[in-house]
């Protein structure tokens, strides 16, 4: 028992300088993947957010909701169609995306934070034109439907929520400026752009992998730190590939925009956010 208590005390002592360093700073966390469909991981993310809030760190939660959207489309007998990795979003699909992201998923997160003793407010990109967007055009001749490229971030509503002592929980549906519509926006991109607009200290992307691996599927080959100047070389070697490329690019864009540190963390590990934020060892891959 004494040894266990000493270990707990040592953990708190180890966390102290990090709490002092990050108190009053903004940390943007993109939440998705396995952490959204596992009850254990869901609770761990919520508890991490509340603890950060209690020690004075301004955590902002940006979320997707792919699994829930897929489930609702299945129930409605609608097809889940993807074009080059992006969900094709026609008007009917956009109605489902908006109702699930801005409604069910967002409000479930807010209510869970409140029940566990935190304070949160739900927002989406339509509120105060938080995310402005235009129809995506990659120049590849493909039609992605109502998928938007974020062109501007107006962070006032998020700053006000932080000022009022709440955890902002943000759904990534964007306000269309080129048409009278809402747009489905990529959650990683939205989180990166919001982190820049808020002058965040950190951007954290929760994923379904340990981070960037030197050897595919070998988790003991985790690269713990990457400088932006190394990214191109790692891509050319095939170390950064597939779905990791856009995540790394989001992190690099955030760094260029003034965010001090960005992290790709394994959302399958309970409390990976706290491990990264408040311990010497850290977790995942840091891009700096």
C-alpha atoms as a PDB file:
ATOM      1  CA  UNK A   1       0.000   0.000   0.000  1.00  0.00           C
ATOM      2  CA  UNK A   2       2.794   2.445   0.940  1.00  0.00           C
ATOM      3  CA  UNK A   3       4.645   1.725  -2.294  1.00  0.00           C
ATOM      4  CA  UNK A   4       1.448   2.295  -4.295  1.00  0.00           C
ATOM      5  CA  UNK A   5       0.873   5.617  -2.570  1.00  0.00           C
ATOM      6  CA  UNK A   6       4.467   6.654  -3.206  1.00  0.00           C
ATOM      7  CA  UNK A   7       4.050   5.836  -6.890  1.00  0.00           C
ATOM      8  CA  UNK A   8       0.906   7.942  -7.042  1.00  0.00           C
ATOM      9  CA  UNK A   9       2.656  10.802  -5.284  1.00  0.00           C
ATOM     10  CA  UNK A  10       5.602  10.564  -7.691  1.00  0.00           C
ATOM     11  CA  UNK A  11       3.207  10.721 -10.643  1.00  0.00           C
ATOM     12  CA  UNK A  12       1.729  13.934  -9.281  1.00  0.00           C
ATOM     13  CA  UNK A  13       5.176  15.419  -8.672  1.00  0.00           C
ATOM     14  CA  UNK A  14       6.211  14.522 -12.230  1.00  0.00           C
ATOM     15  CA  UNK A  15       3.089  16.251 -13.577  1.00  0.00           C
ATOM     16  CA  UNK A  16       3.655  19.486 -11.611  1.00  0.00           C
ATOM     17  CA  UNK A  17       6.130  21.256 -13.949  1.00  0.00           C
ATOM     18  CA  UNK A  18       3.944  20.434 -16.956  1.00  0.00           C
ATOM     19  CA  UNK A  19       0.857  21.804 -15.213  1.00  0.00           C
ATOM     20  CA  UNK A  20       2.810  24.975 -14.417  1.00  0.00           C
ATOM     21  CA  UNK A  21       4.018  25.211 -18.019  1.00  0.00           C
ATOM     22  CA  UNK A  22       0.626  24.746 -19.673  1.00  0.00           C
ATOM     23  CA  UNK A  23      -1.712  26.485 -17.222  1.00  0.00           C
ATOM     24  CA  UNK A  24      -3.562  29.219 -19.073  1.00  0.00           C
ATOM     25  CA  UNK A  25      -2.543  27.817 -22.481  1.00  0.00           C
ATOM     26  CA  UNK A  26      -4.894  26.451 -25.150  1.00  0.00           C
ATOM     27  CA  UNK A  27      -4.653  22.844 -26.327  1.00  0.00           C
ATOM     28  CA  UNK A  28      -6.755  21.697 -29.284  1.00  0.00           C
ATOM     29  CA  UNK A  29      -7.558  17.981 -29.333  1.00  0.00           C
ATOM     30  CA  UNK A  30      -9.076  16.231 -32.358  1.00  0.00           C
ATOM     31  CA  UNK A  31     -11.116  13.270 -31.189  1.00  0.00           C
ATOM     32  CA  UNK A  32     -12.172  10.393 -33.441  1.00  0.00           C
ATOM     33  CA  UNK A  33     -11.457   6.835 -34.482  1.00  0.00           C
ATOM     34  CA  UNK A  34     -11.562   3.952 -32.000  1.00  0.00           C
ATOM     35  CA  UNK A  35     -11.781   6.316 -29.041  1.00  0.00           C
ATOM     36  CA  UNK A  36     -15.299   7.241 -30.202  1.00  0.00           C
ATOM     37  CA  UNK A  37     -16.660   3.674 -30.341  1.00  0.00           C
ATOM     38  CA  UNK A  38     -15.127   2.173 -27.178  1.00  0.00           C
ATOM     39  CA  UNK A  39     -16.864   3.055 -23.903  1.00  0.00           C
ATOM     40  CA  UNK A  40     -13.611   2.691 -21.958  1.00  0.00           C
ATOM     41  CA  UNK A  41     -11.688   5.000 -24.299  1.00  0.00           C
ATOM     42  CA  UNK A  42     -14.599   7.425 -24.504  1.00  0.00           C
ATOM     43  CA  UNK A  43     -14.624   7.788 -20.706  1.00  0.00           C
ATOM     44  CA  UNK A  44     -10.824   8.181 -20.624  1.00  0.00           C
ATOM     45  CA  UNK A  45     -10.885  11.049 -23.133  1.00  0.00           C
ATOM     46  CA  UNK A  46     -13.649  12.832 -21.199  1.00  0.00           C
ATOM     47  CA  UNK A  47     -11.797  12.377 -17.890  1.00  0.00           C
ATOM     48  CA  UNK A  48      -8.589  13.723 -19.464  1.00  0.00           C
ATOM     49  CA  UNK A  49     -10.429  16.815 -20.704  1.00  0.00           C
ATOM     50  CA  UNK A  50     -11.935  17.481 -17.286  1.00  0.00           C
ATOM     51  CA  UNK A  51      -8.615  17.071 -15.477  1.00  0.00           C
ATOM     52  CA  UNK A  52      -6.920  19.494 -17.877  1.00  0.00           C
ATOM     53  CA  UNK A  53      -9.717  21.972 -17.256  1.00  0.00           C
ATOM     54  CA  UNK A  54      -9.409  21.614 -13.481  1.00  0.00           C
ATOM     55  CA  UNK A  55      -5.665  22.404 -13.526  1.00  0.00           C
ATOM     56  CA  UNK A  56      -6.215  25.505 -15.656  1.00  0.00           C
ATOM     57  CA  UNK A  57      -5.342  24.190 -19.119  1.00  0.00           C
ATOM     58  CA  UNK A  58      -7.821  25.365 -21.771  1.00  0.00           C
ATOM     59  CA  UNK A  59      -8.686  22.203 -23.685  1.00  0.00           C
ATOM     60  CA  UNK A  60     -10.755  22.480 -26.868  1.00  0.00           C
ATOM     61  CA  UNK A  61     -12.287  19.265 -28.222  1.00  0.00           C
ATOM     62  CA  UNK A  62     -12.847  19.015 -31.988  1.00  0.00           C
ATOM     63  CA  UNK A  63     -14.681  15.876 -33.046  1.00  0.00           C
ATOM     64  CA  UNK A  64     -15.767  13.890 -36.049  1.00  0.00           C
ATOM     65  CA  UNK A  65     -18.339  11.135 -36.017  1.00  0.00           C
ATOM     66  CA  UNK A  66     -17.760   8.770 -38.914  1.00  0.00           C
ATOM     67  CA  UNK A  67     -18.989   5.561 -37.207  1.00  0.00           C
ATOM     68  CA  UNK A  68     -22.216   7.217 -36.020  1.00  0.00           C
ATOM     69  CA  UNK A  69     -22.841   8.718 -39.460  1.00  0.00           C
ATOM     70  CA  UNK A  70     -22.325   5.306 -41.076  1.00  0.00           C
ATOM     71  CA  UNK A  71     -24.751   3.703 -38.605  1.00  0.00           C
ATOM     72  CA  UNK A  72     -27.478   6.263 -39.310  1.00  0.00           C
ATOM     73  CA  UNK A  73     -27.027   6.014 -43.079  1.00  0.00           C
ATOM     74  CA  UNK A  74     -27.362   2.225 -42.776  1.00  0.00           C
ATOM     75  CA  UNK A  75     -30.559   2.591 -40.735  1.00  0.00           C
ATOM     76  CA  UNK A  76     -31.990   4.922 -43.379  1.00  0.00           C
ATOM     77  CA  UNK A  77     -30.966   2.609 -46.207  1.00  0.00           C
ATOM     78  CA  UNK A  78     -28.574   5.200 -47.635  1.00  0.00           C
ATOM     79  CA  UNK A  79     -25.229   4.367 -49.200  1.00  0.00           C
ATOM     80  CA  UNK A  80     -21.935   5.378 -47.570  1.00  0.00           C
ATOM     81  CA  UNK A  81     -19.864   6.407 -50.577  1.00  0.00           C
ATOM     82  CA  UNK A  82     -16.254   7.558 -50.514  1.00  0.00           C
ATOM     83  CA  UNK A  83     -14.246   9.319 -53.227  1.00  0.00           C
ATOM     84  CA  UNK A  84     -10.460   9.340 -52.769  1.00  0.00           C
ATOM     85  CA  UNK A  85     -10.907   8.721 -49.058  1.00  0.00           C
ATOM     86  CA  UNK A  86     -13.500  11.484 -48.554  1.00  0.00           C
ATOM     87  CA  UNK A  87     -17.171  10.887 -47.840  1.00  0.00           C
ATOM     88  CA  UNK A  88     -19.223  11.911 -50.870  1.00  0.00           C
ATOM     89  CA  UNK A  89     -21.832  14.229 -49.376  1.00  0.00           C
ATOM     90  CA  UNK A  90     -25.001  14.927 -51.334  1.00  0.00           C
ATOM     91  CA  UNK A  91     -27.795  17.031 -49.823  1.00  0.00           C
ATOM     92  CA  UNK A  92     -29.513  14.079 -48.141  1.00  0.00           C
ATOM     93  CA  UNK A  93     -26.211  12.831 -46.694  1.00  0.00           C
ATOM     94  CA  UNK A  94     -25.371  16.358 -45.523  1.00  0.00           C
ATOM     95  CA  UNK A  95     -28.646  16.445 -43.577  1.00  0.00           C
ATOM     96  CA  UNK A  96     -27.575  13.256 -41.786  1.00  0.00           C
ATOM     97  CA  UNK A  97     -24.006  14.522 -41.228  1.00  0.00           C
ATOM     98  CA  UNK A  98     -25.267  17.777 -39.730  1.00  0.00           C
ATOM     99  CA  UNK A  99     -27.847  16.127 -37.472  1.00  0.00           C
ATOM    100  CA  UNK A 100     -25.393  13.506 -36.195  1.00  0.00           C
ATOM    101  CA  UNK A 101     -22.320  15.735 -35.751  1.00  0.00           C
ATOM    102  CA  UNK A 102     -23.989  18.903 -34.475  1.00  0.00           C
ATOM    103  CA  UNK A 103     -26.720  17.003 -32.663  1.00  0.00           C
ATOM    104  CA  UNK A 104     -26.228  13.532 -31.267  1.00  0.00           C
ATOM    105  CA  UNK A 105     -22.430  13.243 -31.099  1.00  0.00           C
ATOM    106  CA  UNK A 106     -21.823  16.816 -29.961  1.00  0.00           C
ATOM    107  CA  UNK A 107     -24.510  16.803 -27.291  1.00  0.00           C
ATOM    108  CA  UNK A 108     -23.533  13.339 -26.024  1.00  0.00           C
ATOM    109  CA  UNK A 109     -19.987  14.633 -25.478  1.00  0.00           C
ATOM    110  CA  UNK A 110     -21.194  17.794 -23.748  1.00  0.00           C
ATOM    111  CA  UNK A 111     -23.619  15.947 -21.473  1.00  0.00           C
ATOM    112  CA  UNK A 112     -20.996  13.349 -20.504  1.00  0.00           C
ATOM    113  CA  UNK A 113     -18.500  16.070 -19.580  1.00  0.00           C
ATOM    114  CA  UNK A 114     -21.166  17.746 -17.441  1.00  0.00           C
ATOM    115  CA  UNK A 115     -22.174  14.486 -15.715  1.00  0.00           C
ATOM    116  CA  UNK A 116     -18.535  13.776 -14.843  1.00  0.00           C
ATOM    117  CA  UNK A 117     -18.119  17.162 -13.164  1.00  0.00           C
ATOM    118  CA  UNK A 118     -16.745  19.320 -15.977  1.00  0.00           C
ATOM    119  CA  UNK A 119     -18.281  22.276 -17.753  1.00  0.00           C
ATOM    120  CA  UNK A 120     -18.745  22.231 -21.517  1.00  0.00           C
ATOM    121  CA  UNK A 121     -20.586  23.985 -24.314  1.00  0.00           C
ATOM    122  CA  UNK A 122     -21.382  22.478 -27.710  1.00  0.00           C
ATOM    123  CA  UNK A 123     -20.540  24.402 -30.864  1.00  0.00           C
ATOM    124  CA  UNK A 124     -20.315  23.750 -34.587  1.00  0.00           C
ATOM    125  CA  UNK A 125     -18.800  25.617 -37.503  1.00  0.00           C
ATOM    126  CA  UNK A 126     -22.127  27.338 -38.185  1.00  0.00           C
ATOM    127  CA  UNK A 127     -22.112  29.117 -34.807  1.00  0.00           C
ATOM    128  CA  UNK A 128     -20.762  32.616 -35.281  1.00  0.00           C
ATOM    129  CA  UNK A 129     -19.468  31.424 -38.680  1.00  0.00           C
ATOM    130  CA  UNK A 130     -16.737  29.632 -36.728  1.00  0.00           C
ATOM    131  CA  UNK A 131     -15.682  27.750 -39.877  1.00  0.00           C
ATOM    132  CA  UNK A 132     -16.296  29.391 -43.247  1.00  0.00           C
ATOM    133  CA  UNK A 133     -15.875  27.171 -46.289  1.00  0.00           C
ATOM    134  CA  UNK A 134     -16.248  26.844 -50.037  1.00  0.00           C
ATOM    135  CA  UNK A 135     -17.017  23.742 -52.072  1.00  0.00           C
ATOM    136  CA  UNK A 136     -13.935  21.533 -52.330  1.00  0.00           C
ATOM    137  CA  UNK A 137     -12.177  21.521 -55.681  1.00  0.00           C
ATOM    138  CA  UNK A 138      -8.999  19.450 -55.792  1.00  0.00           C
ATOM    139  CA  UNK A 139      -8.581  20.011 -59.499  1.00  0.00           C
ATOM    140  CA  UNK A 140      -8.848  16.262 -60.128  1.00  0.00           C
ATOM    141  CA  UNK A 141     -12.183  16.376 -61.913  1.00  0.00           C
ATOM    142  CA  UNK A 142     -13.937  14.548 -59.066  1.00  0.00           C
ATOM    143  CA  UNK A 143     -17.149  15.773 -57.478  1.00  0.00           C
ATOM    144  CA  UNK A 144     -17.124  15.400 -53.701  1.00  0.00           C
ATOM    145  CA  UNK A 145     -20.572  16.888 -53.192  1.00  0.00           C
ATOM    146  CA  UNK A 146     -21.007  19.138 -50.166  1.00  0.00           C
ATOM    147  CA  UNK A 147     -17.480  18.679 -48.858  1.00  0.00           C
ATOM    148  CA  UNK A 148     -15.878  22.023 -48.095  1.00  0.00           C
ATOM    149  CA  UNK A 149     -12.445  23.575 -47.848  1.00  0.00           C
ATOM    150  CA  UNK A 150     -12.225  25.836 -44.791  1.00  0.00           C
ATOM    151  CA  UNK A 151     -11.292  29.315 -45.954  1.00  0.00           C
ATOM    152  CA  UNK A 152     -11.572  31.268 -42.695  1.00  0.00           C
ATOM    153  CA  UNK A 153     -11.859  30.675 -38.957  1.00  0.00           C
ATOM    154  CA  UNK A 154     -13.672  33.110 -36.678  1.00  0.00           C
ATOM    155  CA  UNK A 155     -12.688  31.889 -33.195  1.00  0.00           C
ATOM    156  CA  UNK A 156     -14.640  34.407 -31.108  1.00  0.00           C
ATOM    157  CA  UNK A 157     -17.313  31.932 -29.962  1.00  0.00           C
ATOM    158  CA  UNK A 158     -14.631  29.461 -28.843  1.00  0.00           C
ATOM    159  CA  UNK A 159     -12.651  32.164 -27.037  1.00  0.00           C
ATOM    160  CA  UNK A 160     -15.822  33.284 -25.251  1.00  0.00           C
ATOM    161  CA  UNK A 161     -16.585  29.721 -24.150  1.00  0.00           C
ATOM    162  CA  UNK A 162     -13.060  29.400 -22.751  1.00  0.00           C
ATOM    163  CA  UNK A 163     -13.381  32.779 -21.020  1.00  0.00           C
ATOM    164  CA  UNK A 164     -16.637  31.619 -19.429  1.00  0.00           C
ATOM    165  CA  UNK A 165     -14.924  28.524 -18.012  1.00  0.00           C
ATOM    166  CA  UNK A 166     -16.268  25.912 -20.428  1.00  0.00           C
ATOM    167  CA  UNK A 167     -14.656  23.200 -22.522  1.00  0.00           C
ATOM    168  CA  UNK A 168     -15.650  24.030 -26.121  1.00  0.00           C
ATOM    169  CA  UNK A 169     -16.810  20.900 -27.956  1.00  0.00           C
ATOM    170  CA  UNK A 170     -16.728  21.625 -31.681  1.00  0.00           C
ATOM    171  CA  UNK A 171     -18.427  19.756 -34.528  1.00  0.00           C
ATOM    172  CA  UNK A 172     -16.843  20.237 -37.941  1.00  0.00           C
ATOM    173  CA  UNK A 173     -19.789  21.343 -40.063  1.00  0.00           C
ATOM    174  CA  UNK A 174     -18.858  24.581 -41.862  1.00  0.00           C
ATOM    175  CA  UNK A 175     -20.780  27.633 -43.028  1.00  0.00           C
ATOM    176  CA  UNK A 176     -20.860  27.900 -46.811  1.00  0.00           C
ATOM    177  CA  UNK A 177     -19.822  31.266 -48.229  1.00  0.00           C
ATOM    178  CA  UNK A 178     -20.237  30.377 -51.911  1.00  0.00           C
ATOM    179  CA  UNK A 179     -23.705  28.835 -51.618  1.00  0.00           C
ATOM    180  CA  UNK A 180     -26.616  28.653 -49.201  1.00  0.00           C
ATOM    181  CA  UNK A 181     -25.515  25.386 -47.649  1.00  0.00           C
ATOM    182  CA  UNK A 182     -23.505  23.835 -44.864  1.00  0.00           C
ATOM    183  CA  UNK A 183     -20.385  21.872 -45.760  1.00  0.00           C
ATOM    184  CA  UNK A 184     -18.887  18.696 -44.368  1.00  0.00           C
ATOM    185  CA  UNK A 185     -15.314  19.612 -43.324  1.00  0.00           C
ATOM    186  CA  UNK A 186     -12.391  17.329 -42.521  1.00  0.00           C
ATOM    187  CA  UNK A 187     -11.996  17.189 -38.738  1.00  0.00           C
ATOM    188  CA  UNK A 188      -8.175  17.038 -38.732  1.00  0.00           C
ATOM    189  CA  UNK A 189      -7.967  20.084 -40.989  1.00  0.00           C
ATOM    190  CA  UNK A 190     -10.559  21.955 -38.944  1.00  0.00           C
ATOM    191  CA  UNK A 191      -8.675  21.213 -35.720  1.00  0.00           C
ATOM    192  CA  UNK A 192      -5.399  22.458 -37.208  1.00  0.00           C
ATOM    193  CA  UNK A 193      -6.944  25.671 -38.519  1.00  0.00           C
ATOM    194  CA  UNK A 194      -8.723  26.292 -35.211  1.00  0.00           C
ATOM    195  CA  UNK A 195      -5.474  25.719 -33.280  1.00  0.00           C
ATOM    196  CA  UNK A 196      -3.786  28.369 -35.430  1.00  0.00           C
ATOM    197  CA  UNK A 197      -6.646  30.841 -34.961  1.00  0.00           C
ATOM    198  CA  UNK A 198      -6.608  30.335 -31.184  1.00  0.00           C
ATOM    199  CA  UNK A 199      -2.829  30.657 -30.905  1.00  0.00           C
ATOM    200  CA  UNK A 200      -2.798  27.214 -29.304  1.00  0.00           C
ATOM    201  CA  UNK A 201       0.223  25.816 -27.504  1.00  0.00           C
ATOM    202  CA  UNK A 202      -0.502  22.301 -28.763  1.00  0.00           C
ATOM    203  CA  UNK A 203      -2.514  20.420 -31.373  1.00  0.00           C
ATOM    204  CA  UNK A 204      -3.193  16.759 -30.602  1.00  0.00           C
ATOM    205  CA  UNK A 205      -4.644  14.360 -33.182  1.00  0.00           C
ATOM    206  CA  UNK A 206      -5.961  11.096 -31.742  1.00  0.00           C
ATOM    207  CA  UNK A 207      -5.553   8.249 -34.241  1.00  0.00           C
ATOM    208  CA  UNK A 208      -5.774   4.469 -34.449  1.00  0.00           C
ATOM    209  CA  UNK A 209      -1.994   3.947 -34.569  1.00  0.00           C
ATOM    210  CA  UNK A 210       0.941   4.500 -32.189  1.00  0.00           C
ATOM    211  CA  UNK A 211       2.163   7.355 -34.384  1.00  0.00           C
ATOM    212  CA  UNK A 212       4.725   7.359 -37.196  1.00  0.00           C
ATOM    213  CA  UNK A 213       6.529   4.010 -37.397  1.00  0.00           C
ATOM    214  CA  UNK A 214       9.899   3.380 -39.071  1.00  0.00           C
ATOM    215  CA  UNK A 215       8.670  -0.104 -39.984  1.00  0.00           C
ATOM    216  CA  UNK A 216       5.029  -0.673 -40.819  1.00  0.00           C
ATOM    217  CA  UNK A 217       3.051  -2.601 -38.164  1.00  0.00           C
ATOM    218  CA  UNK A 218       6.060  -2.710 -35.793  1.00  0.00           C
ATOM    219  CA  UNK A 219       5.015  -0.510 -32.901  1.00  0.00           C
ATOM    220  CA  UNK A 220       8.418  -0.688 -31.238  1.00  0.00           C
ATOM    221  CA  UNK A 221       9.801   1.353 -34.181  1.00  0.00           C
ATOM    222  CA  UNK A 222       7.819   4.449 -33.161  1.00  0.00           C
ATOM    223  CA  UNK A 223       9.475   7.732 -34.145  1.00  0.00           C
ATOM    224  CA  UNK A 224       8.948   9.948 -31.110  1.00  0.00           C
ATOM    225  CA  UNK A 225       9.911  13.273 -32.665  1.00  0.00           C
ATOM    226  CA  UNK A 226       9.952  14.653 -36.207  1.00  0.00           C
ATOM    227  CA  UNK A 227      11.037  18.106 -37.298  1.00  0.00           C
ATOM    228  CA  UNK A 228       9.077  19.632 -40.172  1.00  0.00           C
ATOM    229  CA  UNK A 229      12.211  19.673 -42.351  1.00  0.00           C
ATOM    230  CA  UNK A 230      12.351  15.854 -42.093  1.00  0.00           C
ATOM    231  CA  UNK A 231       8.820  15.237 -43.366  1.00  0.00           C
ATOM    232  CA  UNK A 232       9.561  15.274 -47.099  1.00  0.00           C
ATOM    233  CA  UNK A 233      12.367  12.756 -46.703  1.00  0.00           C
ATOM    234  CA  UNK A 234      10.213  10.414 -44.607  1.00  0.00           C
ATOM    235  CA  UNK A 235       7.509  10.578 -47.266  1.00  0.00           C
ATOM    236  CA  UNK A 236       9.959   9.766 -50.051  1.00  0.00           C
ATOM    237  CA  UNK A 237      11.114   6.702 -48.088  1.00  0.00           C
ATOM    238  CA  UNK A 238       7.534   5.535 -47.641  1.00  0.00           C
ATOM    239  CA  UNK A 239       7.731   5.837 -43.848  1.00  0.00           C
ATOM    240  CA  UNK A 240       4.970   8.435 -43.885  1.00  0.00           C
ATOM    241  CA  UNK A 241       2.327   7.062 -46.237  1.00  0.00           C
ATOM    242  CA  UNK A 242      -1.390   6.551 -46.791  1.00  0.00           C
ATOM    243  CA  UNK A 243      -3.725   8.057 -44.229  1.00  0.00           C
ATOM    244  CA  UNK A 244      -0.816   9.347 -42.162  1.00  0.00           C
ATOM    245  CA  UNK A 245       0.133  11.861 -44.890  1.00  0.00           C
ATOM    246  CA  UNK A 246      -2.818  14.258 -44.424  1.00  0.00           C
ATOM    247  CA  UNK A 247      -2.444  14.093 -40.637  1.00  0.00           C
ATOM    248  CA  UNK A 248       1.246  14.994 -40.842  1.00  0.00           C
ATOM    249  CA  UNK A 249       0.417  17.778 -43.300  1.00  0.00           C
ATOM    250  CA  UNK A 250      -2.161  19.170 -40.849  1.00  0.00           C
ATOM    251  CA  UNK A 251       0.466  19.145 -38.109  1.00  0.00           C
ATOM    252  CA  UNK A 252       3.023  20.845 -40.365  1.00  0.00           C
ATOM    253  CA  UNK A 253       0.477  23.516 -41.347  1.00  0.00           C
ATOM    254  CA  UNK A 254      -0.288  24.132 -37.666  1.00  0.00           C
ATOM    255  CA  UNK A 255       3.423  24.539 -36.874  1.00  0.00           C
ATOM    256  CA  UNK A 256       3.810  26.969 -39.784  1.00  0.00           C
ATOM    257  CA  UNK A 257       0.802  28.872 -38.453  1.00  0.00           C
ATOM    258  CA  UNK A 258       2.369  29.354 -35.026  1.00  0.00           C
ATOM    259  CA  UNK A 259       1.293  26.332 -32.959  1.00  0.00           C
ATOM    260  CA  UNK A 260       4.322  25.356 -30.878  1.00  0.00           C
ATOM    261  CA  UNK A 261       3.932  21.578 -30.751  1.00  0.00           C
ATOM    262  CA  UNK A 262       1.742  19.043 -32.542  1.00  0.00           C
ATOM    263  CA  UNK A 263       1.222  15.404 -31.649  1.00  0.00           C
ATOM    264  CA  UNK A 264      -0.172  12.280 -33.252  1.00  0.00           C
ATOM    265  CA  UNK A 265      -1.321  10.017 -30.423  1.00  0.00           C
ATOM    266  CA  UNK A 266      -2.744   6.520 -30.219  1.00  0.00           C
ATOM    267  CA  UNK A 267      -6.382   6.983 -29.232  1.00  0.00           C
ATOM    268  CA  UNK A 268      -6.542   3.260 -28.408  1.00  0.00           C
ATOM    269  CA  UNK A 269      -4.432   3.854 -25.278  1.00  0.00           C
ATOM    270  CA  UNK A 270      -6.507   5.036 -22.289  1.00  0.00           C
ATOM    271  CA  UNK A 271      -5.449   8.489 -21.040  1.00  0.00           C
ATOM    272  CA  UNK A 272      -2.924   8.987 -23.853  1.00  0.00           C
ATOM    273  CA  UNK A 273      -3.694  12.720 -23.669  1.00  0.00           C
ATOM    274  CA  UNK A 274      -2.554  12.945 -20.040  1.00  0.00           C
ATOM    275  CA  UNK A 275       0.452  10.705 -20.720  1.00  0.00           C
ATOM    276  CA  UNK A 276       1.560  13.125 -23.428  1.00  0.00           C
ATOM    277  CA  UNK A 277       0.716  16.331 -21.628  1.00  0.00           C
ATOM    278  CA  UNK A 278       1.817  15.605 -18.063  1.00  0.00           C
ATOM    279  CA  UNK A 279       4.598  12.989 -18.073  1.00  0.00           C
ATOM    280  CA  UNK A 280       8.278  12.924 -18.979  1.00  0.00           C
ATOM    281  CA  UNK A 281       7.865   9.942 -21.306  1.00  0.00           C
ATOM    282  CA  UNK A 282       5.089  11.352 -23.466  1.00  0.00           C
ATOM    283  CA  UNK A 283       3.262   9.318 -26.104  1.00  0.00           C
ATOM    284  CA  UNK A 284       3.013   9.032 -29.863  1.00  0.00           C
ATOM    285  CA  UNK A 285       4.892  11.179 -32.380  1.00  0.00           C
ATOM    286  CA  UNK A 286       5.597  14.867 -31.842  1.00  0.00           C
ATOM    287  CA  UNK A 287       6.009  17.133 -34.859  1.00  0.00           C
ATOM    288  CA  UNK A 288       7.875  20.314 -34.061  1.00  0.00           C
END
